[in-house]
Amino acid sequence: MVWNLARTYIPTDLPVAQQTARRLNSHAGKLRRYRVEVKDNKVRLEWCVLP
């Protein structure tokens, strides 16, 4: 599985990050996976499109 290089750094607000991740995850098309990581007062959001 290859994670997209696209990453979004936003101020630490986990509920917003998770909501954004769910919105990405529920997009039409290929199944997407996501992970949310909190580091240095920022939230890193990564997602991938499965083949």
PDB file of N, CA and C in Angstrom:
ATOM      1  N   MET A   1       0.846  -1.189   0.000  1.00  0.00           N
ATOM      2  CA  MET A   1       0.000   0.000   0.000  1.00  0.00           C
ATOM      3  C   MET A   1       0.886   1.245   0.000  1.00  0.00           C
ATOM      4  N   VAL A   2       0.590   2.159  -0.896  1.00  0.00           N
ATOM      5  CA  VAL A   2       1.390   3.375  -1.003  1.00  0.00           C
ATOM      6  C   VAL A   2       0.560   4.566  -0.545  1.00  0.00           C
ATOM      7  N   TRP A   3       1.113   5.289   0.401  1.00  0.00           N
ATOM      8  CA  TRP A   3       0.408   6.462   0.911  1.00  0.00           C
ATOM      9  C   TRP A   3       0.700   7.649   0.008  1.00  0.00           C
ATOM     10  N   ASN A   4      -0.328   8.468  -0.231  1.00  0.00           N
ATOM     11  CA  ASN A   4      -0.134   9.679  -1.025  1.00  0.00           C
ATOM     12  C   ASN A   4       0.892  10.581  -0.352  1.00  0.00           C
ATOM     13  N   LEU A   5       1.650  11.297  -1.179  1.00  0.00           N
ATOM     14  CA  LEU A   5       2.594  12.255  -0.627  1.00  0.00           C
ATOM     15  C   LEU A   5       1.871  13.483  -0.097  1.00  0.00           C
ATOM     16  N   ALA A   6       0.640  13.675  -0.546  1.00  0.00           N
ATOM     17  CA  ALA A   6      -0.127  14.843  -0.107  1.00  0.00           C
ATOM     18  C   ALA A   6      -0.426  14.729   1.381  1.00  0.00           C
ATOM     19  N   ARG A   7       0.014  15.722   2.116  1.00  0.00           N
ATOM     20  CA  ARG A   7      -0.250  15.743   3.553  1.00  0.00           C
ATOM     21  C   ARG A   7      -0.756  17.121   3.921  1.00  0.00           C
ATOM     22  N   THR A   8      -1.678  17.140   4.825  1.00  0.00           N
ATOM     23  CA  THR A   8      -2.254  18.411   5.240  1.00  0.00           C
ATOM     24  C   THR A   8      -1.863  18.692   6.686  1.00  0.00           C
ATOM     25  N   TYR A   9      -1.190  19.787   6.894  1.00  0.00           N
ATOM     26  CA  TYR A   9      -0.846  20.189   8.253  1.00  0.00           C
ATOM     27  C   TYR A   9      -1.804  21.282   8.696  1.00  0.00           C
ATOM     28  N   ILE A  10      -2.498  21.036   9.771  1.00  0.00           N
ATOM     29  CA  ILE A  10      -3.442  22.024  10.286  1.00  0.00           C
ATOM     30  C   ILE A  10      -3.212  22.168  11.781  1.00  0.00           C
ATOM     31  N   PRO A  11      -3.677  23.256  12.377  1.00  0.00           N
ATOM     32  CA  PRO A  11      -3.544  23.392  13.829  1.00  0.00           C
ATOM     33  C   PRO A  11      -4.190  22.199  14.540  1.00  0.00           C
ATOM     34  N   THR A  12      -3.654  21.851  15.667  1.00  0.00           N
ATOM     35  CA  THR A  12      -4.133  20.670  16.381  1.00  0.00           C
ATOM     36  C   THR A  12      -5.609  20.812  16.734  1.00  0.00           C
ATOM     37  N   ASP A  13      -6.426  20.088  16.043  1.00  0.00           N
ATOM     38  CA  ASP A  13      -7.852  20.029  16.327  1.00  0.00           C
ATOM     39  C   ASP A  13      -8.310  18.670  15.832  1.00  0.00           C
ATOM     40  N   LEU A  14      -8.123  17.671  16.670  1.00  0.00           N
ATOM     41  CA  LEU A  14      -8.324  16.291  16.250  1.00  0.00           C
ATOM     42  C   LEU A  14      -9.709  16.026  15.677  1.00  0.00           C
ATOM     43  N   PRO A  15     -10.792  16.528  16.288  1.00  0.00           N
ATOM     44  CA  PRO A  15     -12.116  16.258  15.702  1.00  0.00           C
ATOM     45  C   PRO A  15     -12.228  16.753  14.268  1.00  0.00           C
ATOM     46  N   VAL A  16     -11.669  17.940  13.989  1.00  0.00           N
ATOM     47  CA  VAL A  16     -11.731  18.466  12.626  1.00  0.00           C
ATOM     48  C   VAL A  16     -10.911  17.592  11.689  1.00  0.00           C
ATOM     49  N   ALA A  17      -9.748  17.174  12.145  1.00  0.00           N
ATOM     50  CA  ALA A  17      -8.898  16.311  11.323  1.00  0.00           C
ATOM     51  C   ALA A  17      -9.609  14.997  11.015  1.00  0.00           C
ATOM     52  N   GLN A  18     -10.243  14.416  12.029  1.00  0.00           N
ATOM     53  CA  GLN A  18     -10.934  13.150  11.814  1.00  0.00           C
ATOM     54  C   GLN A  18     -12.138  13.331  10.904  1.00  0.00           C
ATOM     55  N   GLN A  19     -12.819  14.456  11.039  1.00  0.00           N
ATOM     56  CA  GLN A  19     -13.964  14.721  10.170  1.00  0.00           C
ATOM     57  C   GLN A  19     -13.497  14.861   8.724  1.00  0.00           C
ATOM     58  N   THR A  20     -12.385  15.579   8.524  1.00  0.00           N
ATOM     59  CA  THR A  20     -11.837  15.728   7.178  1.00  0.00           C
ATOM     60  C   THR A  20     -11.434  14.369   6.624  1.00  0.00           C
ATOM     61  N   ALA A  21     -10.815  13.552   7.464  1.00  0.00           N
ATOM     62  CA  ALA A  21     -10.397  12.222   7.032  1.00  0.00           C
ATOM     63  C   ALA A  21     -11.605  11.380   6.642  1.00  0.00           C
ATOM     64  N   ARG A  22     -12.668  11.462   7.430  1.00  0.00           N
ATOM     65  CA  ARG A  22     -13.867  10.692   7.093  1.00  0.00           C
ATOM     66  C   ARG A  22     -14.470  11.173   5.785  1.00  0.00           C
ATOM     67  N   ARG A  23     -14.416  12.490   5.556  1.00  0.00           N
ATOM     68  CA  ARG A  23     -14.956  13.019   4.310  1.00  0.00           C
ATOM     69  C   ARG A  23     -14.149  12.484   3.122  1.00  0.00           C
ATOM     70  N   LEU A  24     -12.825  12.462   3.275  1.00  0.00           N
ATOM     71  CA  LEU A  24     -11.979  11.895   2.224  1.00  0.00           C
ATOM     72  C   LEU A  24     -12.303  10.415   2.048  1.00  0.00           C
ATOM     73  N   ASN A  25     -12.498   9.735   3.178  1.00  0.00           N
ATOM     74  CA  ASN A  25     -12.699   8.295   3.157  1.00  0.00           C
ATOM     75  C   ASN A  25     -14.018   7.922   2.489  1.00  0.00           C
ATOM     76  N   SER A  26     -15.007   8.812   2.575  1.00  0.00           N
ATOM     77  CA  SER A  26     -16.325   8.477   2.038  1.00  0.00           C
ATOM     78  C   SER A  26     -16.493   8.979   0.610  1.00  0.00           C
ATOM     79  N   HIS A  27     -15.407   9.482   0.028  1.00  0.00           N
ATOM     80  CA  HIS A  27     -15.465   9.956  -1.350  1.00  0.00           C
ATOM     81  C   HIS A  27     -15.865   8.814  -2.282  1.00  0.00           C
ATOM     82  N   ALA A  28     -16.585   9.166  -3.327  1.00  0.00           N
ATOM     83  CA  ALA A  28     -16.952   8.151  -4.314  1.00  0.00           C
ATOM     84  C   ALA A  28     -15.693   7.657  -5.020  1.00  0.00           C
ATOM     85  N   GLY A  29     -15.722   6.417  -5.452  1.00  0.00           N
ATOM     86  CA  GLY A  29     -14.576   5.872  -6.180  1.00  0.00           C
ATOM     87  C   GLY A  29     -13.873   4.812  -5.365  1.00  0.00           C
ATOM     88  N   LYS A  30     -12.574   4.777  -5.514  1.00  0.00           N
ATOM     89  CA  LYS A  30     -11.778   3.751  -4.845  1.00  0.00           C
ATOM     90  C   LYS A  30     -11.851   3.907  -3.333  1.00  0.00           C
ATOM     91  N   LEU A  31     -11.702   2.802  -2.657  1.00  0.00           N
ATOM     92  CA  LEU A  31     -11.670   2.825  -1.203  1.00  0.00           C
ATOM     93  C   LEU A  31     -10.424   3.567  -0.739  1.00  0.00           C
ATOM     94  N   ARG A  32     -10.622   4.482   0.178  1.00  0.00           N
ATOM     95  CA  ARG A  32      -9.483   5.232   0.687  1.00  0.00           C
ATOM     96  C   ARG A  32      -9.237   4.860   2.146  1.00  0.00           C
ATOM     97  N   ARG A  33      -7.984   4.885   2.510  1.00  0.00           N
ATOM     98  CA  ARG A  33      -7.619   4.709   3.909  1.00  0.00           C
ATOM     99  C   ARG A  33      -6.916   5.967   4.368  1.00  0.00           C
ATOM    100  N   TYR A  34      -7.003   6.213   5.647  1.00  0.00           N
ATOM    101  CA  TYR A  34      -6.371   7.424   6.152  1.00  0.00           C
ATOM    102  C   TYR A  34      -5.771   7.157   7.527  1.00  0.00           C
ATOM    103  N   ARG A  35      -4.847   7.995   7.890  1.00  0.00           N
ATOM    104  CA  ARG A  35      -4.316   7.958   9.247  1.00  0.00           C
ATOM    105  C   ARG A  35      -4.051   9.381   9.693  1.00  0.00           C
ATOM    106  N   VAL A  36      -4.288   9.612  10.959  1.00  0.00           N
ATOM    107  CA  VAL A  36      -4.119  10.944  11.530  1.00  0.00           C
ATOM    108  C   VAL A  36      -3.047  10.851  12.609  1.00  0.00           C
ATOM    109  N   GLU A  37      -2.072  11.719  12.512  1.00  0.00           N
ATOM    110  CA  GLU A  37      -0.963  11.688  13.462  1.00  0.00           C
ATOM    111  C   GLU A  37      -0.755  13.085  14.038  1.00  0.00           C
ATOM    112  N   VAL A  38      -0.692  13.155  15.364  1.00  0.00           N
ATOM    113  CA  VAL A  38      -0.477  14.441  16.023  1.00  0.00           C
ATOM    114  C   VAL A  38       0.994  14.550  16.402  1.00  0.00           C
ATOM    115  N   LYS A  39       1.629  15.637  15.967  1.00  0.00           N
ATOM    116  CA  LYS A  39       3.051  15.823  16.267  1.00  0.00           C
ATOM    117  C   LYS A  39       3.378  17.307  16.276  1.00  0.00           C
ATOM    118  N   ASP A  40       4.100  17.728  17.284  1.00  0.00           N
ATOM    119  CA  ASP A  40       4.555  19.119  17.379  1.00  0.00           C
ATOM    120  C   ASP A  40       3.406  20.104  17.209  1.00  0.00           C
ATOM    121  N   ASN A  41       2.317  19.876  17.938  1.00  0.00           N
ATOM    122  CA  ASN A  41       1.171  20.794  17.899  1.00  0.00           C
ATOM    123  C   ASN A  41       0.538  20.898  16.528  1.00  0.00           C
ATOM    124  N   LYS A  42       0.787  19.923  15.667  1.00  0.00           N
ATOM    125  CA  LYS A  42       0.141  19.927  14.367  1.00  0.00           C
ATOM    126  C   LYS A  42      -0.457  18.551  14.122  1.00  0.00           C
ATOM    127  N   VAL A  43      -1.409  18.517  13.216  1.00  0.00           N
ATOM    128  CA  VAL A  43      -2.036  17.248  12.862  1.00  0.00           C
ATOM    129  C   VAL A  43      -1.629  16.909  11.442  1.00  0.00           C
ATOM    130  N   ARG A  44      -1.049  15.730  11.261  1.00  0.00           N
ATOM    131  CA  ARG A  44      -0.707  15.298   9.909  1.00  0.00           C
ATOM    132  C   ARG A  44      -1.764  14.314   9.445  1.00  0.00           C
ATOM    133  N   LEU A  45      -2.345  14.629   8.318  1.00  0.00           N
ATOM    134  CA  LEU A  45      -3.397  13.786   7.762  1.00  0.00           C
ATOM    135  C   LEU A  45      -2.889  13.166   6.468  1.00  0.00           C
ATOM    136  N   GLU A  46      -2.848  11.847   6.422  1.00  0.00           N
ATOM    137  CA  GLU A  46      -2.388  11.141   5.239  1.00  0.00           C
ATOM    138  C   GLU A  46      -3.502  10.235   4.738  1.00  0.00           C
ATOM    139  N   TRP A  47      -3.594  10.085   3.437  1.00  0.00           N
ATOM    140  CA  TRP A  47      -4.578   9.160   2.909  1.00  0.00           C
ATOM    141  C   TRP A  47      -4.034   8.503   1.660  1.00  0.00           C
ATOM    142  N   CYS A  48      -4.616   7.388   1.302  1.00  0.00           N
ATOM    143  CA  CYS A  48      -4.194   6.685   0.103  1.00  0.00           C
ATOM    144  C   CYS A  48      -5.429   6.158  -0.619  1.00  0.00           C
ATOM    145  N   VAL A  49      -5.263   5.960  -1.912  1.00  0.00           N
ATOM    146  CA  VAL A  49      -6.323   5.363  -2.721  1.00  0.00           C
ATOM    147  C   VAL A  49      -5.884   3.943  -3.036  1.00  0.00           C
ATOM    148  N   LEU A  50      -6.680   2.986  -2.641  1.00  0.00           N
ATOM    149  CA  LEU A  50      -6.314   1.593  -2.879  1.00  0.00           C
ATOM    150  C   LEU A  50      -6.532   1.239  -4.347  1.00  0.00           C
ATOM    151  N   PRO A  51      -5.647   0.429  -4.891  1.00  0.00           N
ATOM    152  CA  PRO A  51      -5.784   0.018  -6.298  1.00  0.00           C
ATOM    153  C   PRO A  51      -6.984  -0.887  -6.522  1.00  0.00           C
TER     154      PRO A  51
END
